[in-house]
Amino acid sequence: MAEVFLISDNHFGHAGMLSFKKEDGSPLRTFSCVEEMDEHMIERWNSVVRPQDHLYHLGDVVMRQQVLDVVMPRLNGHKRLVRGNHDIFRTKHYMRYFDEVYGIRVLDNMVFSHIPIHPESLGRFKANVHGHTHGQHPLGGKYIDVSAEAIDYTPVPLYKLAEMCNNLSN
């Protein structure tokens, strides 16, 4: 049976990610080069996502359009994109690798977005599963960050997110 997974903010091919720092001044990503970073993230993705599985990517897939053609064919699963602030290419370029492209998505009473949504917009939803913050600014409450750094670069299964929702504070 196919599973559903989520991840955000891989920034495949983005060498600039290697110079980003955490608030304490340590590197956000500790790879020696962009190729090592990309290979590690591809390996982590494919270690859990099978070809028949489904994956929601919550934005900021790549920084350069040509990287789509290099990386996306190597990633397992039927992919869906919730666009992030860096997903700026024409939709037709993403549709070669993603079955669907969204601005926001609701599944299993959880709101999937790239940027965390305003608390007043959560309303009846049990959680906002998001990216964008790269694991650096935990919001608590009904927010779950699936930025690559926050989840050890490994997509999280939907059922685990549903379990996490049961432990969230309001």
Protein backbone atom coordinates (compact mmCIF):
# COMPACT_ATOMS: atom_id res chain seq x y z
CA MET A 1 0.00 0.00 0.00
CA ALA A 2 1.29 3.46 -0.89
CA GLU A 3 2.21 5.92 1.85
CA VAL A 4 2.12 9.72 1.84
CA PHE A 5 5.22 11.71 2.88
CA LEU A 6 6.09 15.38 3.38
CA ILE A 7 9.25 17.48 3.21
CA SER A 8 10.12 21.09 2.46
CA ASP A 9 13.03 23.35 1.61
CA ASN A 10 15.50 20.97 -0.01
CA HIS A 11 16.93 23.83 -2.09
CA PHE A 12 18.58 21.29 -4.39
CA GLY A 13 21.52 22.82 -6.26
CA HIS A 14 21.61 25.93 -4.05
CA ALA A 15 25.26 26.39 -3.05
CA GLY A 16 24.30 29.45 -1.00
CA MET A 17 22.64 27.15 1.55
CA LEU A 18 26.13 26.08 2.63
CA SER A 19 26.89 29.57 3.93
CA PHE A 20 23.67 30.01 5.95
CA LYS A 21 24.12 30.07 9.71
CA LYS A 22 21.99 29.08 12.66
CA GLU A 23 21.29 31.70 15.31
CA ASP A 24 24.24 30.38 17.33
CA GLY A 25 26.57 31.01 14.35
CA SER A 26 27.09 27.37 13.43
CA PRO A 27 26.43 26.22 9.85
CA LEU A 28 22.81 25.45 8.97
CA ARG A 29 24.00 22.70 6.62
CA THR A 30 27.35 21.02 7.24
CA PHE A 31 28.10 19.66 3.77
CA SER A 32 31.45 20.36 2.08
CA CYS A 33 29.88 21.15 -1.31
CA VAL A 34 26.51 21.40 -3.04
CA GLU A 35 26.99 18.01 -4.75
CA GLU A 36 27.48 16.30 -1.38
CA MET A 37 24.39 18.10 -0.04
CA ASP A 38 22.24 17.06 -3.00
CA GLU A 39 23.42 13.45 -2.94
CA HIS A 40 22.73 13.18 0.79
CA MET A 41 19.21 14.56 0.38
CA ILE A 42 18.49 12.26 -2.58
CA GLU A 43 19.70 9.26 -0.57
CA ARG A 44 17.59 10.23 2.48
CA TRP A 45 14.49 10.78 0.29
CA ASN A 46 14.83 7.48 -1.54
CA SER A 47 15.60 5.61 1.70
CA VAL A 48 11.96 6.03 2.79
CA VAL A 49 9.91 7.00 -0.29
CA ARG A 50 9.19 4.12 -2.64
CA PRO A 51 8.24 4.58 -6.31
CA GLN A 52 4.56 3.91 -5.55
CA ASP A 53 4.41 6.37 -2.61
CA HIS A 54 3.13 9.95 -2.72
CA LEU A 55 5.10 12.95 -1.53
CA TYR A 56 4.05 16.52 -0.86
CA HIS A 57 6.96 18.93 -1.20
CA LEU A 58 6.08 22.11 0.70
CA GLY A 59 8.16 24.45 -1.38
CA ASP A 60 11.62 25.67 -2.27
CA VAL A 61 12.60 22.61 -4.27
CA VAL A 62 15.39 24.15 -6.36
CA MET A 63 16.86 27.59 -6.95
CA ARG A 64 17.77 27.09 -10.62
CA GLN A 65 15.38 25.69 -13.20
CA GLN A 66 17.95 23.36 -14.78
CA VAL A 67 18.38 21.57 -11.44
CA LEU A 68 14.80 20.28 -11.78
CA ASP A 69 15.91 18.20 -14.76
CA VAL A 70 18.94 16.84 -12.92
CA VAL A 71 17.45 15.97 -9.53
CA MET A 72 13.72 15.30 -9.90
CA PRO A 73 13.99 12.17 -12.08
CA ARG A 74 16.18 10.61 -9.38
CA LEU A 75 13.60 11.01 -6.61
CA ASN A 76 11.10 8.25 -5.84
CA GLY A 77 7.39 8.76 -5.54
CA HIS A 78 4.45 10.54 -7.12
CA LYS A 79 5.22 14.14 -6.24
CA ARG A 80 2.96 17.09 -5.48
CA LEU A 81 4.26 20.62 -4.94
CA VAL A 82 2.92 23.27 -2.60
CA ARG A 83 4.80 26.24 -3.99
CA GLY A 84 7.26 28.16 -1.84
CA ASN A 85 8.67 31.65 -2.17
CA HIS A 86 11.56 30.35 -4.32
CA ASP A 87 9.40 28.22 -6.64
CA ILE A 88 9.22 31.01 -9.22
CA PHE A 89 9.39 29.18 -12.53
CA ARG A 90 6.43 28.75 -14.83
CA THR A 91 4.08 25.99 -13.70
CA LYS A 92 4.73 23.97 -16.87
CA HIS A 93 8.33 23.38 -15.73
CA TYR A 94 7.17 21.86 -12.44
CA MET A 95 4.43 19.80 -14.09
CA ARG A 96 7.07 17.65 -15.79
CA TYR A 97 7.91 16.21 -12.35
CA PHE A 98 4.95 16.98 -10.10
CA ASP A 99 1.48 15.49 -10.56
CA GLU A 100 -0.14 18.56 -9.00
CA VAL A 101 0.98 22.08 -8.03
CA TYR A 102 -0.80 23.94 -5.22
CA GLY A 103 -0.63 27.22 -3.35
CA ILE A 104 -1.90 25.50 -0.19
CA ARG A 105 -3.34 22.04 0.46
CA VAL A 106 -5.61 20.53 3.10
CA LEU A 107 -5.37 16.81 3.83
CA ASP A 108 -6.44 14.82 6.88
CA ASN A 109 -7.60 18.08 8.51
CA MET A 110 -4.06 19.52 8.33
CA VAL A 111 -3.13 22.61 6.31
CA PHE A 112 0.00 22.17 4.20
CA SER A 113 1.75 25.45 3.31
CA HIS A 114 5.23 26.67 2.63
CA ILE A 115 5.21 29.69 4.92
CA PRO A 116 3.46 29.14 8.28
CA ILE A 117 -0.05 30.52 8.15
CA HIS A 118 -1.41 33.10 10.59
CA PRO A 119 -2.70 31.53 13.85
CA GLU A 120 -6.17 32.99 13.29
CA SER A 121 -6.36 31.09 10.00
CA LEU A 122 -5.85 27.70 11.66
CA GLY A 123 -9.43 27.63 12.95
CA ARG A 124 -10.85 24.13 12.71
CA PHE A 125 -7.62 22.56 11.42
CA LYS A 126 -5.64 20.36 13.76
CA ALA A 127 -2.26 21.61 12.48
CA ASN A 128 -0.30 23.65 9.95
CA VAL A 129 2.44 21.52 8.40
CA HIS A 130 4.90 23.97 6.87
CA GLY A 131 8.45 24.70 5.82
CA HIS A 132 10.29 27.98 5.24
CA THR A 133 11.80 28.33 8.72
CA HIS A 134 14.50 25.66 8.20
CA GLY A 135 13.96 24.31 11.71
CA GLN A 136 15.29 27.54 13.24
CA HIS A 137 12.13 29.13 14.63
CA PRO A 138 9.83 26.56 16.24
CA LEU A 139 6.37 28.06 16.53
CA GLY A 140 4.87 25.50 18.89
CA GLY A 141 1.15 25.03 19.20
CA LYS A 142 -0.44 23.69 16.04
CA TYR A 143 2.66 24.12 13.84
CA ILE A 144 4.84 21.30 12.49
CA ASP A 145 7.99 22.25 10.56
CA VAL A 146 9.03 19.76 7.86
CA SER A 147 11.92 21.85 6.53
CA ALA A 148 14.69 19.49 5.43
CA GLU A 149 17.01 20.49 8.31
CA ALA A 150 14.25 20.01 10.90
CA ILE A 151 13.62 16.40 9.85
CA ASP A 152 17.18 15.21 9.15
CA TYR A 153 16.58 15.61 5.38
CA THR A 154 14.22 12.60 5.50
CA PRO A 155 10.59 12.88 4.36
CA VAL A 156 8.08 12.29 7.16
CA PRO A 157 5.13 9.94 6.67
CA LEU A 158 1.68 11.48 6.98
CA TYR A 159 0.64 9.01 9.67
CA LYS A 160 3.51 10.25 11.91
CA LEU A 161 2.35 13.85 11.41
CA ALA A 162 -1.17 12.78 12.40
CA GLU A 163 0.28 11.17 15.56
CA MET A 164 2.21 14.39 16.29
CA CYS A 165 -1.04 16.34 16.03
CA ASN A 166 -2.40 14.36 18.96
CA ASN A 167 0.46 15.72 21.10
CA LEU A 168 0.32 19.36 20.03
CA SER A 169 -0.51 22.06 22.52
CA ASN A 170 -3.08 24.65 21.50
